[in-house]
Amino acid sequence: GARGHLGGVSEATAAAIKILDIYGCDYIFVETVGVGQSEIDIVKTCDTTLMVTVPGLGDDIQAIKAGVLEIGDVFAVNKADRDGAQKTARELEAMLDFNSKPWRPPVKLLTAATGDGVPELLAEIEAHRRYMLDSSEFENRRILNAKLELIELVKQSIMEKLLMPSARQQTIETLASHVAFRKQDPYTASEALLAELI
């Protein structure tokens, strides 16, 4: 579970992945709590993002969020033995036609319960890894992910320092009151708070 952390994954996920990587795991699978337009933090920690969907979610096009189409490297339609699986795959393919990235995410049909299509899906995941390594995208993504992680840790540290001293709470209350009653704009108030913190 995400334990209340926005983005679809727990705050400790990145650290857990690092431990498993250092331990020498060949593959590390991270399952998210589900995705929407804001639950896409998984892309900040993984080399390959696999989006799994199923037929029969109602209006399939609406079920496939724009953010998911942006982050997915490989798409899988599970329960391919059900009615509507081919339709879901076609709709995904059609939406991916608007993808402008060099890598065209493949869409694979499979039935996980029986194993049908799983080897083909694994082959696509491995193909994406080869593409990443051959095109230097692997290194670029790792550097970007590390940068995002560092920025997030700095933001957390600043928030802790900002909210910890009780003396600063009075300043926050005063500035919030000024903003609420239009005595000061929020930008000026935030700059004053930041100046005090620094």
N, C-alpha and C. Protein backbone atom coordinates (compact mmCIF):
# COMPACT_ATOMS: atom_id res chain seq x y z
N GLY A 1 0.82 -1.20 0.00
CA GLY A 1 0.00 0.00 0.00
C GLY A 1 0.85 1.25 0.00
N ALA A 2 0.25 2.35 -0.39
CA ALA A 2 0.98 3.62 -0.46
C ALA A 2 1.11 4.28 0.90
N ARG A 3 0.40 3.76 1.93
CA ARG A 3 0.47 4.29 3.29
C ARG A 3 0.21 5.79 3.32
N GLY A 4 -0.77 6.22 2.54
CA GLY A 4 -1.17 7.62 2.54
C GLY A 4 -0.27 8.52 1.72
N HIS A 5 0.77 7.96 1.13
CA HIS A 5 1.70 8.76 0.33
C HIS A 5 1.13 8.92 -1.08
N LEU A 6 1.05 10.14 -1.54
CA LEU A 6 0.53 10.37 -2.89
C LEU A 6 1.51 9.83 -3.92
N GLY A 7 1.00 9.44 -5.07
CA GLY A 7 1.86 8.97 -6.14
C GLY A 7 1.69 7.50 -6.45
N GLY A 8 0.97 6.74 -5.60
CA GLY A 8 0.69 5.35 -5.89
C GLY A 8 1.64 4.34 -5.29
N VAL A 9 2.76 4.82 -4.72
CA VAL A 9 3.70 3.92 -4.05
C VAL A 9 4.06 4.48 -2.69
N SER A 10 4.50 3.60 -1.80
CA SER A 10 4.90 4.01 -0.46
C SER A 10 6.16 4.87 -0.51
N GLU A 11 6.33 5.69 0.50
CA GLU A 11 7.52 6.55 0.59
C GLU A 11 8.80 5.71 0.69
N ALA A 12 8.69 4.50 1.23
CA ALA A 12 9.85 3.64 1.43
C ALA A 12 10.18 2.78 0.21
N THR A 13 9.39 2.88 -0.85
CA THR A 13 9.58 2.01 -2.01
C THR A 13 10.96 2.18 -2.63
N ALA A 14 11.39 3.42 -2.84
CA ALA A 14 12.70 3.66 -3.49
C ALA A 14 13.83 3.04 -2.68
N ALA A 15 13.76 3.16 -1.35
CA ALA A 15 14.81 2.58 -0.50
C ALA A 15 14.79 1.06 -0.58
N ALA A 16 13.60 0.47 -0.60
CA ALA A 16 13.49 -0.99 -0.69
C ALA A 16 14.08 -1.49 -2.01
N ILE A 17 13.82 -0.75 -3.10
CA ILE A 17 14.35 -1.13 -4.40
C ILE A 17 15.88 -1.10 -4.37
N LYS A 18 16.45 -0.06 -3.77
CA LYS A 18 17.91 0.06 -3.69
C LYS A 18 18.53 -1.11 -2.92
N ILE A 19 17.89 -1.50 -1.82
CA ILE A 19 18.41 -2.62 -1.03
C ILE A 19 18.41 -3.91 -1.85
N LEU A 20 17.30 -4.16 -2.55
CA LEU A 20 17.21 -5.37 -3.38
C LEU A 20 18.22 -5.33 -4.54
N ASP A 21 18.44 -4.13 -5.10
CA ASP A 21 19.40 -3.97 -6.18
C ASP A 21 20.82 -4.25 -5.69
N ILE A 22 21.17 -3.70 -4.53
CA ILE A 22 22.50 -3.93 -3.94
C ILE A 22 22.68 -5.41 -3.61
N TYR A 23 21.60 -6.05 -3.17
CA TYR A 23 21.64 -7.48 -2.85
C TYR A 23 21.94 -8.32 -4.09
N GLY A 24 21.60 -7.79 -5.27
CA GLY A 24 21.92 -8.49 -6.51
C GLY A 24 20.74 -9.14 -7.22
N CYS A 25 19.53 -8.71 -6.91
CA CYS A 25 18.35 -9.26 -7.59
C CYS A 25 18.38 -8.91 -9.07
N ASP A 26 18.13 -9.89 -9.92
CA ASP A 26 18.12 -9.65 -11.37
C ASP A 26 16.90 -8.85 -11.79
N TYR A 27 15.76 -9.17 -11.20
CA TYR A 27 14.51 -8.46 -11.49
C TYR A 27 13.89 -8.01 -10.18
N ILE A 28 13.37 -6.81 -10.16
CA ILE A 28 12.64 -6.30 -9.00
C ILE A 28 11.30 -5.81 -9.50
N PHE A 29 10.23 -6.46 -9.06
CA PHE A 29 8.88 -6.07 -9.47
C PHE A 29 8.26 -5.22 -8.37
N VAL A 30 7.72 -4.09 -8.75
CA VAL A 30 7.06 -3.19 -7.81
C VAL A 30 5.63 -3.02 -8.28
N GLU A 31 4.69 -3.43 -7.44
CA GLU A 31 3.27 -3.28 -7.78
C GLU A 31 2.75 -2.03 -7.10
N THR A 32 2.06 -1.19 -7.86
CA THR A 32 1.49 0.03 -7.29
C THR A 32 0.08 -0.26 -6.77
N VAL A 33 -0.49 0.72 -6.08
CA VAL A 33 -1.85 0.56 -5.56
C VAL A 33 -2.88 0.78 -6.65
N GLY A 34 -2.44 1.03 -7.84
CA GLY A 34 -3.33 1.39 -8.93
C GLY A 34 -2.89 2.73 -9.44
N VAL A 35 -3.39 3.10 -10.59
CA VAL A 35 -2.90 4.34 -11.16
C VAL A 35 -4.04 5.23 -11.62
N GLY A 36 -3.73 6.48 -11.65
CA GLY A 36 -4.60 7.51 -12.20
C GLY A 36 -3.67 8.59 -12.70
N GLN A 37 -4.17 9.77 -12.89
CA GLN A 37 -3.32 10.81 -13.41
C GLN A 37 -2.32 11.32 -12.39
N SER A 38 -2.55 11.05 -11.10
CA SER A 38 -1.61 11.51 -10.08
C SER A 38 -0.84 10.37 -9.43
N GLU A 39 -1.20 9.12 -9.69
CA GLU A 39 -0.51 7.99 -9.07
C GLU A 39 0.51 7.40 -10.04
N ILE A 40 1.49 8.23 -10.42
CA ILE A 40 2.44 7.76 -11.42
C ILE A 40 3.89 7.89 -10.95
N ASP A 41 4.09 7.93 -9.62
CA ASP A 41 5.45 8.05 -9.09
C ASP A 41 6.31 6.83 -9.40
N ILE A 42 5.70 5.74 -9.78
CA ILE A 42 6.46 4.52 -10.07
C ILE A 42 7.50 4.77 -11.15
N VAL A 43 7.20 5.66 -12.07
CA VAL A 43 8.13 5.95 -13.17
C VAL A 43 9.43 6.59 -12.65
N LYS A 44 9.37 7.16 -11.44
CA LYS A 44 10.56 7.79 -10.86
C LYS A 44 11.51 6.79 -10.23
N THR A 45 11.10 5.53 -10.15
CA THR A 45 11.93 4.54 -9.49
C THR A 45 12.25 3.32 -10.35
N CYS A 46 11.55 3.16 -11.47
CA CYS A 46 11.71 1.94 -12.26
C CYS A 46 12.36 2.20 -13.61
N ASP A 47 13.04 1.18 -14.11
CA ASP A 47 13.64 1.27 -15.45
C ASP A 47 12.61 0.99 -16.53
N THR A 48 11.69 0.09 -16.25
CA THR A 48 10.63 -0.24 -17.19
C THR A 48 9.30 -0.22 -16.44
N THR A 49 8.35 0.52 -16.97
CA THR A 49 7.03 0.59 -16.35
C THR A 49 6.05 -0.23 -17.18
N LEU A 50 5.49 -1.26 -16.56
CA LEU A 50 4.52 -2.13 -17.21
C LEU A 50 3.13 -1.74 -16.73
N MET A 51 2.26 -1.41 -17.67
CA MET A 51 0.88 -1.07 -17.34
C MET A 51 0.01 -2.26 -17.68
N VAL A 52 -0.69 -2.80 -16.70
CA VAL A 52 -1.56 -3.95 -16.91
C VAL A 52 -3.01 -3.48 -16.78
N THR A 53 -3.82 -3.81 -17.77
CA THR A 53 -5.23 -3.50 -17.73
C THR A 53 -6.02 -4.75 -18.09
N VAL A 54 -7.32 -4.70 -17.92
CA VAL A 54 -8.20 -5.82 -18.25
C VAL A 54 -9.39 -5.30 -19.03
N PRO A 55 -10.02 -6.16 -19.82
CA PRO A 55 -11.24 -5.72 -20.52
C PRO A 55 -12.41 -5.62 -19.56
N GLY A 56 -13.43 -4.90 -19.99
CA GLY A 56 -14.66 -4.84 -19.21
C GLY A 56 -14.64 -3.83 -18.09
N LEU A 57 -13.85 -2.77 -18.23
CA LEU A 57 -13.83 -1.73 -17.21
C LEU A 57 -14.85 -0.63 -17.49
N GLY A 58 -15.81 -0.94 -18.34
CA GLY A 58 -16.76 0.10 -18.75
C GLY A 58 -16.24 0.75 -20.01
N ASP A 59 -16.18 2.05 -20.01
CA ASP A 59 -15.64 2.77 -21.16
C ASP A 59 -14.12 2.69 -21.08
N ASP A 60 -13.54 1.75 -21.84
CA ASP A 60 -12.11 1.47 -21.73
C ASP A 60 -11.23 2.69 -21.98
N ILE A 61 -11.63 3.51 -22.93
CA ILE A 61 -10.83 4.71 -23.23
C ILE A 61 -10.76 5.61 -22.01
N GLN A 62 -11.89 5.77 -21.29
CA GLN A 62 -11.90 6.61 -20.11
C GLN A 62 -11.09 5.98 -18.98
N ALA A 63 -11.05 4.65 -18.97
CA ALA A 63 -10.33 3.96 -17.90
C ALA A 63 -8.82 4.11 -18.05
N ILE A 64 -8.37 4.42 -19.27
CA ILE A 64 -6.94 4.56 -19.52
C ILE A 64 -6.58 6.03 -19.38
N LYS A 65 -5.95 6.38 -18.27
CA LYS A 65 -5.66 7.77 -17.97
C LYS A 65 -4.50 8.29 -18.81
N ALA A 66 -4.54 9.57 -19.11
CA ALA A 66 -3.50 10.20 -19.92
C ALA A 66 -2.12 10.02 -19.30
N GLY A 67 -2.03 10.17 -17.98
CA GLY A 67 -0.74 10.04 -17.32
C GLY A 67 -0.15 8.65 -17.48
N VAL A 68 -1.00 7.64 -17.49
CA VAL A 68 -0.55 6.27 -17.63
C VAL A 68 0.03 6.04 -19.03
N LEU A 69 -0.61 6.61 -20.03
CA LEU A 69 -0.11 6.46 -21.40
C LEU A 69 1.26 7.10 -21.55
N GLU A 70 1.50 8.15 -20.79
CA GLU A 70 2.79 8.84 -20.86
C GLU A 70 3.91 8.02 -20.22
N ILE A 71 3.60 7.30 -19.14
CA ILE A 71 4.67 6.62 -18.40
C ILE A 71 4.85 5.16 -18.80
N GLY A 72 3.85 4.56 -19.44
CA GLY A 72 3.94 3.13 -19.75
C GLY A 72 5.00 2.85 -20.80
N ASP A 73 5.87 1.86 -20.53
CA ASP A 73 6.87 1.41 -21.50
C ASP A 73 6.41 0.15 -22.22
N VAL A 74 5.60 -0.64 -21.53
CA VAL A 74 5.01 -1.85 -22.09
C VAL A 74 3.59 -1.94 -21.53
N PHE A 75 2.64 -2.31 -22.38
CA PHE A 75 1.24 -2.44 -21.95
C PHE A 75 0.80 -3.89 -22.11
N ALA A 76 0.05 -4.37 -21.11
CA ALA A 76 -0.46 -5.73 -21.14
C ALA A 76 -1.96 -5.70 -20.89
N VAL A 77 -2.69 -6.44 -21.71
CA VAL A 77 -4.13 -6.62 -21.49
C VAL A 77 -4.29 -8.03 -20.96
N ASN A 78 -4.55 -8.14 -19.66
CA ASN A 78 -4.72 -9.45 -19.02
C ASN A 78 -6.15 -9.94 -19.25
N LYS A 79 -6.36 -11.23 -19.00
CA LYS A 79 -7.66 -11.88 -19.20
C LYS A 79 -8.06 -11.79 -20.67
N ALA A 80 -7.10 -12.14 -21.52
CA ALA A 80 -7.31 -12.07 -22.96
C ALA A 80 -8.38 -13.03 -23.44
N ASP A 81 -8.77 -14.00 -22.59
CA ASP A 81 -9.82 -14.95 -22.96
C ASP A 81 -11.21 -14.36 -22.77
N ARG A 82 -11.30 -13.17 -22.23
CA ARG A 82 -12.60 -12.52 -22.02
C ARG A 82 -13.01 -11.69 -23.24
N ASP A 83 -14.33 -11.52 -23.37
CA ASP A 83 -14.84 -10.64 -24.42
C ASP A 83 -14.33 -9.23 -24.17
N GLY A 84 -13.97 -8.57 -25.24
CA GLY A 84 -13.54 -7.18 -25.15
C GLY A 84 -12.04 -7.00 -25.01
N ALA A 85 -11.28 -8.08 -24.87
CA ALA A 85 -9.83 -7.96 -24.71
C ALA A 85 -9.18 -7.39 -25.97
N GLN A 86 -9.61 -7.92 -27.13
CA GLN A 86 -9.06 -7.42 -28.40
C GLN A 86 -9.40 -5.94 -28.58
N LYS A 87 -10.62 -5.58 -28.21
CA LYS A 87 -11.06 -4.18 -28.34
C LYS A 87 -10.21 -3.27 -27.45
N THR A 88 -9.95 -3.70 -26.22
CA THR A 88 -9.12 -2.92 -25.30
C THR A 88 -7.72 -2.73 -25.87
N ALA A 89 -7.16 -3.81 -26.42
CA ALA A 89 -5.82 -3.74 -27.01
C ALA A 89 -5.81 -2.79 -28.21
N ARG A 90 -6.84 -2.85 -29.05
CA ARG A 90 -6.91 -1.95 -30.22
C ARG A 90 -7.01 -0.50 -29.79
N GLU A 91 -7.81 -0.23 -28.75
CA GLU A 91 -7.96 1.14 -28.27
C GLU A 91 -6.64 1.67 -27.70
N LEU A 92 -5.93 0.81 -26.99
CA LEU A 92 -4.61 1.21 -26.48
C LEU A 92 -3.66 1.53 -27.62
N GLU A 93 -3.64 0.65 -28.61
CA GLU A 93 -2.78 0.86 -29.78
C GLU A 93 -3.11 2.19 -30.45
N ALA A 94 -4.40 2.47 -30.60
CA ALA A 94 -4.83 3.71 -31.25
C ALA A 94 -4.37 4.93 -30.46
N MET A 95 -4.50 4.85 -29.14
CA MET A 95 -4.08 5.98 -28.31
C MET A 95 -2.56 6.15 -28.32
N LEU A 96 -1.83 5.04 -28.43
CA LEU A 96 -0.38 5.10 -28.47
C LEU A 96 0.14 5.63 -29.80
N ASP A 97 -0.73 5.70 -30.81
CA ASP A 97 -0.33 6.30 -32.09
C ASP A 97 0.05 7.77 -31.91
N PHE A 98 -0.43 8.39 -30.84
CA PHE A 98 -0.11 9.79 -30.58
C PHE A 98 1.19 9.94 -29.80
N ASN A 99 1.81 8.82 -29.45
CA ASN A 99 3.07 8.83 -28.72
C ASN A 99 4.18 9.37 -29.63
N SER A 100 4.90 10.37 -29.15
CA SER A 100 5.95 10.97 -29.98
C SER A 100 7.35 10.53 -29.54
N LYS A 101 7.43 9.64 -28.57
CA LYS A 101 8.74 9.18 -28.08
C LYS A 101 9.36 8.20 -29.08
N PRO A 102 10.69 8.07 -29.05
CA PRO A 102 11.35 7.12 -29.97
C PRO A 102 10.93 5.66 -29.72
N TRP A 103 10.64 5.32 -28.46
CA TRP A 103 10.23 3.95 -28.13
C TRP A 103 8.71 3.85 -28.26
N ARG A 104 8.25 2.94 -29.10
CA ARG A 104 6.81 2.69 -29.24
C ARG A 104 6.43 1.58 -28.27
N PRO A 105 5.66 1.89 -27.21
CA PRO A 105 5.29 0.84 -26.25
C PRO A 105 4.45 -0.26 -26.92
N PRO A 106 4.87 -1.50 -26.76
CA PRO A 106 4.07 -2.59 -27.31
C PRO A 106 2.86 -2.89 -26.43
N VAL A 107 1.84 -3.47 -27.04
CA VAL A 107 0.63 -3.88 -26.32
C VAL A 107 0.50 -5.39 -26.50
N LYS A 108 0.53 -6.13 -25.40
CA LYS A 108 0.47 -7.59 -25.47
C LYS A 108 -0.78 -8.11 -24.76
N LEU A 109 -1.39 -9.11 -25.36
CA LEU A 109 -2.53 -9.81 -24.76
C LEU A 109 -2.00 -11.03 -24.00
N LEU A 110 -2.56 -11.29 -22.81
CA LEU A 110 -2.15 -12.47 -22.07
C LEU A 110 -3.27 -12.91 -21.14
N THR A 111 -3.16 -14.14 -20.67
CA THR A 111 -4.04 -14.66 -19.64
C THR A 111 -3.13 -15.19 -18.54
N ALA A 112 -2.94 -14.39 -17.51
CA ALA A 112 -1.98 -14.72 -16.46
C ALA A 112 -2.32 -16.02 -15.73
N ALA A 113 -3.62 -16.30 -15.58
CA ALA A 113 -4.04 -17.50 -14.85
C ALA A 113 -3.54 -18.78 -15.52
N THR A 114 -3.45 -18.78 -16.84
CA THR A 114 -2.99 -19.97 -17.56
C THR A 114 -1.55 -19.85 -18.05
N GLY A 115 -1.01 -18.63 -17.99
CA GLY A 115 0.35 -18.40 -18.48
C GLY A 115 0.42 -18.08 -19.96
N ASP A 116 -0.72 -18.10 -20.66
CA ASP A 116 -0.72 -17.78 -22.08
C ASP A 116 -0.30 -16.33 -22.30
N GLY A 117 0.70 -16.11 -23.13
CA GLY A 117 1.16 -14.77 -23.46
C GLY A 117 2.20 -14.20 -22.51
N VAL A 118 2.48 -14.89 -21.39
CA VAL A 118 3.45 -14.38 -20.42
C VAL A 118 4.88 -14.38 -21.00
N PRO A 119 5.33 -15.45 -21.69
CA PRO A 119 6.68 -15.40 -22.27
C PRO A 119 6.85 -14.26 -23.27
N GLU A 120 5.79 -14.00 -24.06
CA GLU A 120 5.84 -12.91 -25.04
C GLU A 120 5.94 -11.55 -24.33
N LEU A 121 5.22 -11.42 -23.22
CA LEU A 121 5.28 -10.18 -22.44
C LEU A 121 6.69 -9.98 -21.87
N LEU A 122 7.26 -11.03 -21.31
CA LEU A 122 8.62 -10.95 -20.77
C LEU A 122 9.61 -10.56 -21.86
N ALA A 123 9.42 -11.09 -23.06
CA ALA A 123 10.30 -10.74 -24.19
C ALA A 123 10.22 -9.25 -24.50
N GLU A 124 9.03 -8.66 -24.39
CA GLU A 124 8.87 -7.23 -24.64
C GLU A 124 9.53 -6.39 -23.55
N ILE A 125 9.44 -6.86 -22.30
CA ILE A 125 10.10 -6.16 -21.19
C ILE A 125 11.61 -6.19 -21.40
N GLU A 126 12.13 -7.34 -21.81
CA GLU A 126 13.57 -7.46 -22.06
C GLU A 126 13.99 -6.63 -23.27
N ALA A 127 13.11 -6.53 -24.27
CA ALA A 127 13.40 -5.70 -25.46
C ALA A 127 13.49 -4.23 -25.05
N HIS A 128 12.62 -3.81 -24.14
CA HIS A 128 12.67 -2.42 -23.67
C HIS A 128 13.98 -2.17 -22.93
N ARG A 129 14.41 -3.11 -22.12
CA ARG A 129 15.69 -2.95 -21.41
C ARG A 129 16.85 -2.83 -22.39
N ARG A 130 16.85 -3.67 -23.42
CA ARG A 130 17.92 -3.60 -24.43
C ARG A 130 17.91 -2.24 -25.12
N TYR A 131 16.71 -1.76 -25.45
CA TYR A 131 16.59 -0.44 -26.08
C TYR A 131 17.16 0.64 -25.16
N MET A 132 16.82 0.57 -23.88
CA MET A 132 17.29 1.56 -22.91
C MET A 132 18.82 1.55 -22.83
N LEU A 133 19.40 0.37 -22.77
CA LEU A 133 20.86 0.26 -22.65
C LEU A 133 21.56 0.71 -23.93
N ASP A 134 21.00 0.35 -25.09
CA ASP A 134 21.63 0.68 -26.37
C ASP A 134 21.52 2.16 -26.73
N SER A 135 20.49 2.84 -26.20
CA SER A 135 20.25 4.22 -26.61
C SER A 135 20.69 5.24 -25.55
N SER A 136 21.32 4.80 -24.48
CA SER A 136 21.74 5.63 -23.35
C SER A 136 20.56 6.17 -22.54
N GLU A 137 19.34 5.74 -22.87
CA GLU A 137 18.16 6.16 -22.10
C GLU A 137 18.20 5.60 -20.68
N PHE A 138 18.82 4.43 -20.54
CA PHE A 138 18.94 3.80 -19.22
C PHE A 138 19.68 4.73 -18.27
N GLU A 139 20.85 5.21 -18.72
CA GLU A 139 21.65 6.12 -17.91
C GLU A 139 20.91 7.44 -17.66
N ASN A 140 20.28 7.97 -18.70
CA ASN A 140 19.54 9.23 -18.56
C ASN A 140 18.39 9.11 -17.56
N ARG A 141 17.66 7.99 -17.63
CA ARG A 141 16.53 7.80 -16.72
C ARG A 141 17.02 7.63 -15.28
N ARG A 142 18.10 6.88 -15.10
CA ARG A 142 18.65 6.69 -13.75
C ARG A 142 19.08 8.03 -13.15
N ILE A 143 19.74 8.87 -13.96
CA ILE A 143 20.20 10.18 -13.47
C ILE A 143 18.99 11.06 -13.13
N LEU A 144 17.99 11.08 -14.01
CA LEU A 144 16.78 11.88 -13.76
C LEU A 144 16.09 11.41 -12.49
N ASN A 145 15.96 10.09 -12.32
CA ASN A 145 15.30 9.55 -11.13
C ASN A 145 16.06 9.91 -9.86
N ALA A 146 17.41 9.86 -9.92
CA ALA A 146 18.22 10.22 -8.76
C ALA A 146 18.05 11.71 -8.45
N LYS A 147 17.99 12.53 -9.49
CA LYS A 147 17.78 13.97 -9.30
C LYS A 147 16.44 14.24 -8.62
N LEU A 148 15.38 13.58 -9.11
CA LEU A 148 14.05 13.76 -8.53
C LEU A 148 14.01 13.29 -7.07
N GLU A 149 14.73 12.20 -6.79
CA GLU A 149 14.78 11.69 -5.41
C GLU A 149 15.49 12.68 -4.49
N LEU A 150 16.60 13.24 -4.97
CA LEU A 150 17.34 14.22 -4.17
C LEU A 150 16.49 15.45 -3.88
N ILE A 151 15.81 15.95 -4.89
CA ILE A 151 14.95 17.12 -4.72
C ILE A 151 13.84 16.83 -3.72
N GLU A 152 13.26 15.64 -3.79
CA GLU A 152 12.18 15.26 -2.86
C GLU A 152 12.71 15.18 -1.42
N LEU A 153 13.90 14.63 -1.25
CA LEU A 153 14.48 14.54 0.10
C LEU A 153 14.78 15.92 0.66
N VAL A 154 15.26 16.83 -0.19
CA VAL A 154 15.52 18.21 0.25
C VAL A 154 14.21 18.88 0.64
N LYS A 155 13.17 18.68 -0.17
CA LYS A 155 11.85 19.26 0.16
C LYS A 155 11.35 18.75 1.51
N GLN A 156 11.50 17.45 1.75
CA GLN A 156 11.07 16.89 3.03
C GLN A 156 11.86 17.48 4.19
N SER A 157 13.16 17.63 3.99
CA SER A 157 14.02 18.19 5.03
C SER A 157 13.64 19.64 5.33
N ILE A 158 13.38 20.41 4.29
CA ILE A 158 12.97 21.81 4.48
C ILE A 158 11.65 21.87 5.25
N MET A 159 10.70 21.00 4.89
CA MET A 159 9.41 21.00 5.58
C MET A 159 9.58 20.65 7.06
N GLU A 160 10.44 19.68 7.34
CA GLU A 160 10.69 19.30 8.74
C GLU A 160 11.29 20.46 9.53
N LYS A 161 12.26 21.14 8.90
CA LYS A 161 12.90 22.28 9.57
C LYS A 161 11.93 23.44 9.73
N LEU A 162 11.06 23.61 8.75
CA LEU A 162 10.10 24.70 8.79
C LEU A 162 9.06 24.50 9.89
N LEU A 163 8.60 23.27 10.04
CA LEU A 163 7.49 23.01 10.95
C LEU A 163 7.92 22.60 12.36
N MET A 164 9.21 22.31 12.56
CA MET A 164 9.62 21.78 13.84
C MET A 164 9.66 22.82 14.98
N PRO A 165 10.40 23.92 14.85
CA PRO A 165 10.50 24.83 16.01
C PRO A 165 9.14 25.47 16.33
N SER A 166 8.78 25.41 17.59
CA SER A 166 7.48 25.96 18.00
C SER A 166 7.44 27.47 17.82
N ALA A 167 8.61 28.14 17.91
CA ALA A 167 8.65 29.59 17.75
C ALA A 167 8.22 29.99 16.33
N ARG A 168 8.53 29.14 15.37
CA ARG A 168 8.18 29.45 13.98
C ARG A 168 6.68 29.28 13.72
N GLN A 169 6.02 28.50 14.56
CA GLN A 169 4.58 28.29 14.38
C GLN A 169 3.81 29.60 14.48
N GLN A 170 4.26 30.50 15.39
CA GLN A 170 3.59 31.79 15.53
C GLN A 170 3.75 32.61 14.25
N THR A 171 4.95 32.55 13.65
CA THR A 171 5.19 33.28 12.39
C THR A 171 4.28 32.75 11.30
N ILE A 172 4.17 31.42 11.21
CA ILE A 172 3.31 30.80 10.20
C ILE A 172 1.86 31.23 10.41
N GLU A 173 1.40 31.20 11.67
CA GLU A 173 0.02 31.60 11.98
C GLU A 173 -0.23 33.05 11.59
N THR A 174 0.73 33.92 11.92
CA THR A 174 0.58 35.35 11.61
C THR A 174 0.53 35.58 10.11
N LEU A 175 1.46 34.95 9.37
CA LEU A 175 1.49 35.11 7.92
C LEU A 175 0.23 34.53 7.28
N ALA A 176 -0.23 33.39 7.80
CA ALA A 176 -1.45 32.78 7.26
C ALA A 176 -2.65 33.70 7.47
N SER A 177 -2.70 34.34 8.62
CA SER A 177 -3.78 35.29 8.90
C SER A 177 -3.72 36.48 7.94
N HIS A 178 -2.52 36.98 7.69
CA HIS A 178 -2.35 38.10 6.75
C HIS A 178 -2.82 37.72 5.35
N VAL A 179 -2.48 36.51 4.93
CA VAL A 179 -2.89 36.04 3.60
C VAL A 179 -4.40 35.84 3.54
N ALA A 180 -4.94 35.23 4.59
CA ALA A 180 -6.38 34.93 4.62
C ALA A 180 -7.23 36.20 4.55
N PHE A 181 -6.76 37.26 5.20
CA PHE A 181 -7.55 38.51 5.23
C PHE A 181 -7.01 39.56 4.27
N ARG A 182 -6.24 39.10 3.27
CA ARG A 182 -5.78 39.94 2.16
C ARG A 182 -4.90 41.12 2.59
N LYS A 183 -4.21 40.95 3.71
CA LYS A 183 -3.26 41.98 4.13
C LYS A 183 -1.92 41.79 3.42
N GLN A 184 -1.71 40.56 2.93
CA GLN A 184 -0.45 40.22 2.28
C GLN A 184 -0.74 39.12 1.25
N ASP A 185 -0.01 39.15 0.14
CA ASP A 185 -0.22 38.09 -0.85
C ASP A 185 0.60 36.86 -0.44
N PRO A 186 0.19 35.66 -0.89
CA PRO A 186 0.87 34.44 -0.45
C PRO A 186 2.33 34.35 -0.90
N TYR A 187 2.66 34.98 -2.03
CA TYR A 187 4.04 34.92 -2.53
C TYR A 187 4.99 35.68 -1.61
N THR A 188 4.57 36.88 -1.23
CA THR A 188 5.39 37.69 -0.32
C THR A 188 5.51 37.00 1.04
N ALA A 189 4.40 36.44 1.51
CA ALA A 189 4.41 35.75 2.81
C ALA A 189 5.33 34.53 2.76
N SER A 190 5.29 33.78 1.68
CA SER A 190 6.15 32.59 1.59
C SER A 190 7.62 32.99 1.51
N GLU A 191 7.91 34.09 0.84
CA GLU A 191 9.30 34.58 0.78
C GLU A 191 9.79 34.99 2.16
N ALA A 192 8.91 35.61 2.93
CA ALA A 192 9.28 36.01 4.30
C ALA A 192 9.56 34.79 5.16
N LEU A 193 8.74 33.77 5.00
CA LEU A 193 8.93 32.52 5.76
C LEU A 193 10.21 31.82 5.36
N LEU A 194 10.49 31.80 4.07
CA LEU A 194 11.71 31.18 3.57
C LEU A 194 12.94 31.94 4.06
N ALA A 195 12.85 33.27 4.07
CA ALA A 195 13.97 34.09 4.55
C ALA A 195 14.26 33.78 6.01
N GLU A 196 13.22 33.59 6.81
CA GLU A 196 13.41 33.26 8.23
C GLU A 196 14.04 31.88 8.38
N LEU A 197 13.62 30.96 7.54
CA LEU A 197 14.15 29.59 7.60
C LEU A 197 15.63 29.56 7.25
N ILE A 198 15.99 30.32 6.22
CA ILE A 198 17.38 30.33 5.76
C ILE A 198 18.25 31.08 6.76
